Amino acid sequence: MKKVLIATLSTGLLLSSYSAPVKANDDLLRLAISLCDFAKTDDRTSMRRKLRAAGMRLRAIYPAIKCGSDGSLLRVATVNNAMGAAKFLAAKAGSDAITEPGHDGQNIVKWAEGLVASGDASKQPFVELFKSKM
């Protein structure tokens, strides 16, 4: 099974009955797994549909979604050269998604610049995209 971590998204998701929070957590886990997959395959249309169907705003849940060892959705999109997904995520997740440091202490701009500095020039458009969203 794919590794996806979801932190507590909001206390508003917890309902009064015991089974409702469990169902909500399962739904959120499935949503996070789907978003990670869509980021890998550059499928922003499916991201929009999935978020709309779930009644969720990306800005509200973005910080809690981690796509296994790859990290954030933006990092997954960058690694997989998914520019369409990266544009969607950068626009909808908000500037905090760009400026907040990841698990390694680097924000997405510094991380992507590191990829370019290590010889992966194909990541330069991502660096420019992320800088424009700061």
N, C-alpha and C. Protein backbone atom coordinates (compact mmCIF):
# COMPACT_ATOMS: atom_id res chain seq x y z
N MET A 1 0.84 -1.18 0.00
CA MET A 1 0.00 0.00 0.00
C MET A 1 0.88 1.23 0.00
N LYS A 2 0.44 2.24 -0.68
CA LYS A 2 1.22 3.47 -0.78
C LYS A 2 1.27 4.16 0.56
N LYS A 3 2.42 4.76 0.83
CA LYS A 3 2.58 5.46 2.09
C LYS A 3 2.11 6.90 1.93
N VAL A 4 1.11 7.25 2.66
CA VAL A 4 0.59 8.61 2.67
C VAL A 4 0.27 8.96 4.11
N LEU A 5 0.80 10.06 4.57
CA LEU A 5 0.54 10.50 5.92
C LEU A 5 -0.46 11.64 5.89
N ILE A 6 -1.43 11.57 6.76
CA ILE A 6 -2.39 12.66 6.88
C ILE A 6 -2.44 13.05 8.34
N ALA A 7 -2.11 14.29 8.62
CA ALA A 7 -2.23 14.80 9.98
C ALA A 7 -3.68 15.16 10.23
N THR A 8 -3.98 15.51 11.43
CA THR A 8 -5.34 15.92 11.73
C THR A 8 -5.64 17.16 10.92
N LEU A 9 -6.64 17.10 10.08
CA LEU A 9 -6.96 18.20 9.18
C LEU A 9 -7.74 19.29 9.88
N SER A 10 -8.74 18.93 10.62
CA SER A 10 -9.48 19.92 11.40
C SER A 10 -10.39 19.21 12.36
N THR A 11 -10.66 19.88 13.45
CA THR A 11 -11.56 19.27 14.41
C THR A 11 -12.99 19.28 13.90
N GLY A 12 -13.25 20.09 12.91
CA GLY A 12 -14.58 20.15 12.32
C GLY A 12 -14.97 18.86 11.62
N LEU A 13 -13.99 18.04 11.27
CA LEU A 13 -14.28 16.79 10.60
C LEU A 13 -14.81 15.73 11.55
N LEU A 14 -14.55 15.91 12.82
CA LEU A 14 -15.00 14.93 13.79
C LEU A 14 -16.48 15.14 14.08
N LEU A 15 -17.23 14.10 13.96
CA LEU A 15 -18.67 14.18 14.19
C LEU A 15 -18.99 13.52 15.52
N SER A 16 -20.22 13.62 15.93
CA SER A 16 -20.58 13.14 17.25
C SER A 16 -20.55 11.62 17.39
N SER A 17 -20.83 10.88 16.36
CA SER A 17 -20.84 9.42 16.49
C SER A 17 -19.44 8.86 16.27
N TYR A 18 -19.19 7.69 16.80
CA TYR A 18 -17.86 7.08 16.70
C TYR A 18 -17.52 6.67 15.28
N SER A 19 -18.47 6.15 14.51
CA SER A 19 -18.16 5.65 13.18
C SER A 19 -17.94 6.77 12.17
N ALA A 20 -18.47 7.94 12.38
CA ALA A 20 -18.32 9.03 11.42
C ALA A 20 -16.86 9.48 11.30
N PRO A 21 -16.11 9.68 12.41
CA PRO A 21 -14.71 10.08 12.24
C PRO A 21 -13.88 9.02 11.53
N VAL A 22 -14.15 7.76 11.79
CA VAL A 22 -13.41 6.70 11.12
C VAL A 22 -13.68 6.77 9.62
N LYS A 23 -14.92 6.94 9.23
CA LYS A 23 -15.28 7.06 7.82
C LYS A 23 -14.61 8.29 7.22
N ALA A 24 -14.64 9.41 7.94
CA ALA A 24 -14.02 10.64 7.45
C ALA A 24 -12.53 10.44 7.25
N ASN A 25 -11.86 9.77 8.19
CA ASN A 25 -10.42 9.52 8.06
C ASN A 25 -10.12 8.64 6.86
N ASP A 26 -10.94 7.61 6.63
CA ASP A 26 -10.74 6.74 5.47
C ASP A 26 -10.92 7.53 4.18
N ASP A 27 -11.93 8.37 4.14
CA ASP A 27 -12.17 9.20 2.95
C ASP A 27 -11.00 10.15 2.70
N LEU A 28 -10.47 10.73 3.76
CA LEU A 28 -9.33 11.65 3.61
C LEU A 28 -8.08 10.92 3.15
N LEU A 29 -7.89 9.72 3.64
CA LEU A 29 -6.74 8.92 3.21
C LEU A 29 -6.86 8.59 1.73
N ARG A 30 -8.05 8.18 1.30
CA ARG A 30 -8.25 7.89 -0.13
C ARG A 30 -8.06 9.14 -0.98
N LEU A 31 -8.52 10.28 -0.49
CA LEU A 31 -8.34 11.54 -1.21
C LEU A 31 -6.85 11.86 -1.34
N ALA A 32 -6.10 11.72 -0.26
CA ALA A 32 -4.66 12.00 -0.28
C ALA A 32 -3.92 11.07 -1.24
N ILE A 33 -4.25 9.80 -1.23
CA ILE A 33 -3.61 8.84 -2.14
C ILE A 33 -3.91 9.22 -3.58
N SER A 34 -5.16 9.57 -3.86
CA SER A 34 -5.54 9.97 -5.21
C SER A 34 -4.79 11.21 -5.66
N LEU A 35 -4.71 12.21 -4.78
CA LEU A 35 -4.01 13.45 -5.14
C LEU A 35 -2.53 13.18 -5.42
N CYS A 36 -1.92 12.32 -4.64
CA CYS A 36 -0.52 11.96 -4.89
C CYS A 36 -0.36 11.29 -6.26
N ASP A 37 -1.27 10.39 -6.57
CA ASP A 37 -1.23 9.72 -7.87
C ASP A 37 -1.44 10.71 -9.02
N PHE A 38 -2.38 11.63 -8.84
CA PHE A 38 -2.66 12.62 -9.88
C PHE A 38 -1.49 13.58 -10.06
N ALA A 39 -0.78 13.89 -8.98
CA ALA A 39 0.40 14.75 -9.08
C ALA A 39 1.50 14.05 -9.87
N LYS A 40 1.62 12.74 -9.70
CA LYS A 40 2.64 11.97 -10.43
C LYS A 40 2.33 11.90 -11.92
N THR A 41 1.05 11.82 -12.25
CA THR A 41 0.66 11.61 -13.65
C THR A 41 0.24 12.90 -14.36
N ASP A 42 0.43 14.05 -13.69
CA ASP A 42 0.12 15.36 -14.27
C ASP A 42 -1.35 15.47 -14.66
N ASP A 43 -2.22 15.01 -13.78
CA ASP A 43 -3.65 14.99 -14.07
C ASP A 43 -4.39 16.00 -13.19
N ARG A 44 -4.28 17.27 -13.56
CA ARG A 44 -4.91 18.31 -12.74
C ARG A 44 -6.43 18.30 -12.86
N THR A 45 -6.96 17.83 -13.97
CA THR A 45 -8.42 17.75 -14.10
C THR A 45 -8.98 16.79 -13.07
N SER A 46 -8.35 15.66 -12.89
CA SER A 46 -8.81 14.69 -11.89
C SER A 46 -8.63 15.24 -10.47
N MET A 47 -7.58 16.03 -10.26
CA MET A 47 -7.40 16.66 -8.95
C MET A 47 -8.58 17.56 -8.64
N ARG A 48 -8.94 18.39 -9.61
CA ARG A 48 -10.08 19.29 -9.42
C ARG A 48 -11.36 18.51 -9.11
N ARG A 49 -11.61 17.49 -9.92
CA ARG A 49 -12.83 16.69 -9.73
C ARG A 49 -12.87 16.03 -8.37
N LYS A 50 -11.75 15.46 -7.97
CA LYS A 50 -11.68 14.74 -6.70
C LYS A 50 -11.90 15.70 -5.53
N LEU A 51 -11.27 16.86 -5.58
CA LEU A 51 -11.43 17.85 -4.53
C LEU A 51 -12.88 18.36 -4.47
N ARG A 52 -13.45 18.62 -5.63
CA ARG A 52 -14.83 19.10 -5.69
C ARG A 52 -15.79 18.04 -5.14
N ALA A 53 -15.59 16.79 -5.53
CA ALA A 53 -16.45 15.71 -5.06
C ALA A 53 -16.34 15.53 -3.54
N ALA A 54 -15.15 15.76 -3.01
CA ALA A 54 -14.94 15.62 -1.57
C ALA A 54 -15.37 16.87 -0.80
N GLY A 55 -15.64 17.94 -1.53
CA GLY A 55 -16.02 19.19 -0.88
C GLY A 55 -14.88 19.80 -0.09
N MET A 56 -13.66 19.60 -0.58
CA MET A 56 -12.47 20.08 0.13
C MET A 56 -11.75 21.14 -0.70
N ARG A 57 -11.11 22.05 0.00
CA ARG A 57 -10.25 23.03 -0.64
C ARG A 57 -8.82 22.58 -0.45
N LEU A 58 -8.04 22.63 -1.50
CA LEU A 58 -6.66 22.18 -1.43
C LEU A 58 -5.88 22.96 -0.38
N ARG A 59 -6.13 24.24 -0.29
CA ARG A 59 -5.42 25.08 0.68
C ARG A 59 -5.60 24.56 2.12
N ALA A 60 -6.77 24.01 2.40
CA ALA A 60 -7.07 23.54 3.75
C ALA A 60 -6.38 22.23 4.09
N ILE A 61 -6.14 21.39 3.10
CA ILE A 61 -5.58 20.07 3.39
C ILE A 61 -4.14 19.89 2.92
N TYR A 62 -3.63 20.80 2.10
CA TYR A 62 -2.29 20.64 1.51
C TYR A 62 -1.21 20.34 2.55
N PRO A 63 -1.12 21.10 3.64
CA PRO A 63 -0.02 20.85 4.59
C PRO A 63 -0.03 19.45 5.20
N ALA A 64 -1.19 18.82 5.24
CA ALA A 64 -1.30 17.51 5.88
C ALA A 64 -1.00 16.35 4.95
N ILE A 65 -0.88 16.60 3.66
CA ILE A 65 -0.68 15.52 2.70
C ILE A 65 0.81 15.33 2.43
N LYS A 66 1.28 14.13 2.66
CA LYS A 66 2.66 13.75 2.35
C LYS A 66 2.60 12.48 1.52
N CYS A 67 3.25 12.50 0.41
CA CYS A 67 3.23 11.38 -0.53
C CYS A 67 4.44 10.49 -0.28
N GLY A 68 4.39 9.73 0.78
CA GLY A 68 5.47 8.82 1.12
C GLY A 68 6.78 9.54 1.30
N SER A 69 7.85 8.94 0.85
CA SER A 69 9.18 9.54 1.01
C SER A 69 9.41 10.71 0.06
N ASP A 70 8.55 10.85 -0.95
CA ASP A 70 8.69 11.97 -1.88
C ASP A 70 8.37 13.30 -1.23
N GLY A 71 7.53 13.30 -0.23
CA GLY A 71 7.19 14.54 0.47
C GLY A 71 5.91 15.15 -0.04
N SER A 72 5.94 16.43 -0.28
CA SER A 72 4.74 17.18 -0.63
C SER A 72 4.27 16.90 -2.05
N LEU A 73 3.03 17.30 -2.30
CA LEU A 73 2.48 17.16 -3.65
C LEU A 73 3.30 17.94 -4.67
N LEU A 74 3.78 19.13 -4.30
CA LEU A 74 4.60 19.92 -5.23
C LEU A 74 5.91 19.21 -5.56
N ARG A 75 6.50 18.57 -4.58
CA ARG A 75 7.74 17.83 -4.84
C ARG A 75 7.47 16.64 -5.76
N VAL A 76 6.36 15.96 -5.53
CA VAL A 76 6.00 14.82 -6.39
C VAL A 76 5.81 15.29 -7.83
N ALA A 77 5.10 16.38 -8.00
CA ALA A 77 4.86 16.92 -9.34
C ALA A 77 6.18 17.31 -10.00
N THR A 78 7.07 17.92 -9.25
CA THR A 78 8.36 18.36 -9.79
C THR A 78 9.21 17.17 -10.22
N VAL A 79 9.33 16.18 -9.35
CA VAL A 79 10.14 15.00 -9.65
C VAL A 79 9.64 14.29 -10.91
N ASN A 80 8.32 14.31 -11.10
CA ASN A 80 7.71 13.61 -12.23
C ASN A 80 7.48 14.50 -13.45
N ASN A 81 8.07 15.69 -13.44
CA ASN A 81 7.94 16.65 -14.55
C ASN A 81 6.48 16.92 -14.91
N ALA A 82 5.66 17.03 -13.89
CA ALA A 82 4.22 17.26 -14.07
C ALA A 82 3.93 18.76 -13.92
N MET A 83 4.25 19.53 -14.95
CA MET A 83 4.12 20.98 -14.88
C MET A 83 2.67 21.42 -14.70
N GLY A 84 1.73 20.79 -15.38
CA GLY A 84 0.33 21.16 -15.22
C GLY A 84 -0.14 20.98 -13.79
N ALA A 85 0.21 19.86 -13.19
CA ALA A 85 -0.16 19.61 -11.80
C ALA A 85 0.54 20.61 -10.88
N ALA A 86 1.80 20.91 -11.15
CA ALA A 86 2.54 21.86 -10.32
C ALA A 86 1.91 23.25 -10.38
N LYS A 87 1.48 23.67 -11.56
CA LYS A 87 0.82 24.98 -11.69
C LYS A 87 -0.47 25.01 -10.89
N PHE A 88 -1.27 23.96 -11.01
CA PHE A 88 -2.52 23.87 -10.27
C PHE A 88 -2.26 23.89 -8.76
N LEU A 89 -1.33 23.06 -8.32
CA LEU A 89 -1.04 22.96 -6.90
C LEU A 89 -0.50 24.28 -6.34
N ALA A 90 0.41 24.91 -7.08
CA ALA A 90 0.99 26.17 -6.62
C ALA A 90 -0.07 27.26 -6.52
N ALA A 91 -1.02 27.25 -7.43
CA ALA A 91 -2.07 28.27 -7.42
C ALA A 91 -3.09 28.01 -6.31
N LYS A 92 -3.47 26.77 -6.13
CA LYS A 92 -4.56 26.45 -5.20
C LYS A 92 -4.10 26.19 -3.76
N ALA A 93 -2.85 25.80 -3.58
CA ALA A 93 -2.38 25.48 -2.23
C ALA A 93 -1.98 26.74 -1.46
N GLY A 94 -1.73 27.83 -2.15
CA GLY A 94 -1.38 29.07 -1.49
C GLY A 94 0.11 29.25 -1.31
N SER A 95 0.49 30.46 -0.94
CA SER A 95 1.91 30.78 -0.83
C SER A 95 2.60 30.03 0.30
N ASP A 96 1.85 29.62 1.31
CA ASP A 96 2.46 28.85 2.40
C ASP A 96 3.05 27.54 1.88
N ALA A 97 2.43 26.95 0.88
CA ALA A 97 2.94 25.70 0.31
C ALA A 97 4.31 25.93 -0.34
N ILE A 98 4.55 27.14 -0.80
CA ILE A 98 5.82 27.48 -1.45
C ILE A 98 6.88 27.84 -0.41
N THR A 99 6.48 28.55 0.62
CA THR A 99 7.46 29.10 1.56
C THR A 99 7.75 28.21 2.76
N GLU A 100 6.83 27.33 3.13
CA GLU A 100 7.05 26.47 4.29
C GLU A 100 8.11 25.42 4.00
N PRO A 101 9.02 25.20 4.94
CA PRO A 101 10.04 24.16 4.71
C PRO A 101 9.44 22.76 4.76
N GLY A 102 10.03 21.89 3.97
CA GLY A 102 9.61 20.49 3.94
C GLY A 102 10.31 19.70 5.03
N HIS A 103 10.23 18.38 4.92
CA HIS A 103 10.81 17.49 5.93
C HIS A 103 12.33 17.63 6.04
N ASP A 104 12.96 18.17 4.99
CA ASP A 104 14.41 18.35 4.99
C ASP A 104 14.83 19.77 5.35
N GLY A 105 13.85 20.61 5.70
CA GLY A 105 14.15 21.98 6.09
C GLY A 105 14.20 22.97 4.93
N GLN A 106 14.03 22.50 3.71
CA GLN A 106 14.07 23.37 2.54
C GLN A 106 12.67 23.61 2.02
N ASN A 107 12.40 24.86 1.63
CA ASN A 107 11.12 25.10 0.97
C ASN A 107 11.21 24.59 -0.47
N ILE A 108 10.11 24.61 -1.17
CA ILE A 108 10.07 24.01 -2.52
C ILE A 108 11.01 24.72 -3.49
N VAL A 109 11.19 26.03 -3.33
CA VAL A 109 12.08 26.77 -4.23
C VAL A 109 13.52 26.32 -4.03
N LYS A 110 13.97 26.31 -2.79
CA LYS A 110 15.36 25.89 -2.50
C LYS A 110 15.58 24.44 -2.92
N TRP A 111 14.60 23.61 -2.67
CA TRP A 111 14.70 22.19 -3.04
C TRP A 111 14.84 22.03 -4.55
N ALA A 112 13.99 22.73 -5.31
CA ALA A 112 14.04 22.65 -6.77
C ALA A 112 15.34 23.26 -7.31
N GLU A 113 15.80 24.34 -6.69
CA GLU A 113 17.08 24.93 -7.10
C GLU A 113 18.21 23.93 -6.87
N GLY A 114 18.12 23.14 -5.82
CA GLY A 114 19.11 22.10 -5.56
C GLY A 114 19.12 21.05 -6.66
N LEU A 115 17.95 20.71 -7.19
CA LEU A 115 17.88 19.75 -8.29
C LEU A 115 18.57 20.32 -9.53
N VAL A 116 18.33 21.60 -9.79
CA VAL A 116 18.96 22.25 -10.95
C VAL A 116 20.47 22.31 -10.75
N ALA A 117 20.90 22.69 -9.55
CA ALA A 117 22.33 22.79 -9.25
C ALA A 117 23.03 21.44 -9.36
N SER A 118 22.30 20.36 -9.10
CA SER A 118 22.91 19.03 -9.18
C SER A 118 22.92 18.49 -10.61
N GLY A 119 22.47 19.31 -11.57
CA GLY A 119 22.59 18.92 -12.97
C GLY A 119 21.29 18.63 -13.68
N ASP A 120 20.16 18.78 -13.03
CA ASP A 120 18.87 18.50 -13.69
C ASP A 120 18.24 19.81 -14.17
N ALA A 121 18.70 20.26 -15.32
CA ALA A 121 18.24 21.54 -15.88
C ALA A 121 16.76 21.52 -16.24
N SER A 122 16.17 20.34 -16.37
CA SER A 122 14.75 20.26 -16.71
C SER A 122 13.85 20.78 -15.59
N LYS A 123 14.41 20.98 -14.41
CA LYS A 123 13.63 21.47 -13.27
C LYS A 123 13.61 22.99 -13.18
N GLN A 124 14.36 23.68 -14.04
CA GLN A 124 14.40 25.15 -14.00
C GLN A 124 13.02 25.79 -14.18
N PRO A 125 12.17 25.31 -15.09
CA PRO A 125 10.83 25.91 -15.19
C PRO A 125 10.02 25.80 -13.90
N PHE A 126 10.26 24.75 -13.13
CA PHE A 126 9.57 24.60 -11.85
C PHE A 126 10.07 25.65 -10.86
N VAL A 127 11.38 25.89 -10.87
CA VAL A 127 11.95 26.92 -9.98
C VAL A 127 11.31 28.27 -10.30
N GLU A 128 11.22 28.59 -11.58
CA GLU A 128 10.62 29.86 -12.00
C GLU A 128 9.15 29.94 -11.61
N LEU A 129 8.42 28.85 -11.78
CA LEU A 129 7.01 28.81 -11.37
C LEU A 129 6.87 29.07 -9.89
N PHE A 130 7.64 28.37 -9.07
CA PHE A 130 7.53 28.50 -7.62
C PHE A 130 7.93 29.90 -7.16
N LYS A 131 8.96 30.47 -7.77
CA LYS A 131 9.38 31.83 -7.40
C LYS A 131 8.29 32.84 -7.73
N SER A 132 7.58 32.60 -8.82
CA SER A 132 6.52 33.54 -9.21
C SER A 132 5.32 33.49 -8.27
N LYS A 133 5.19 32.41 -7.51
CA LYS A 133 4.06 32.24 -6.59
C LYS A 133 4.38 32.67 -5.17
N MET A 134 5.62 33.10 -4.92
CA MET A 134 6.01 33.51 -3.57
C MET A 134 5.40 34.84 -3.21
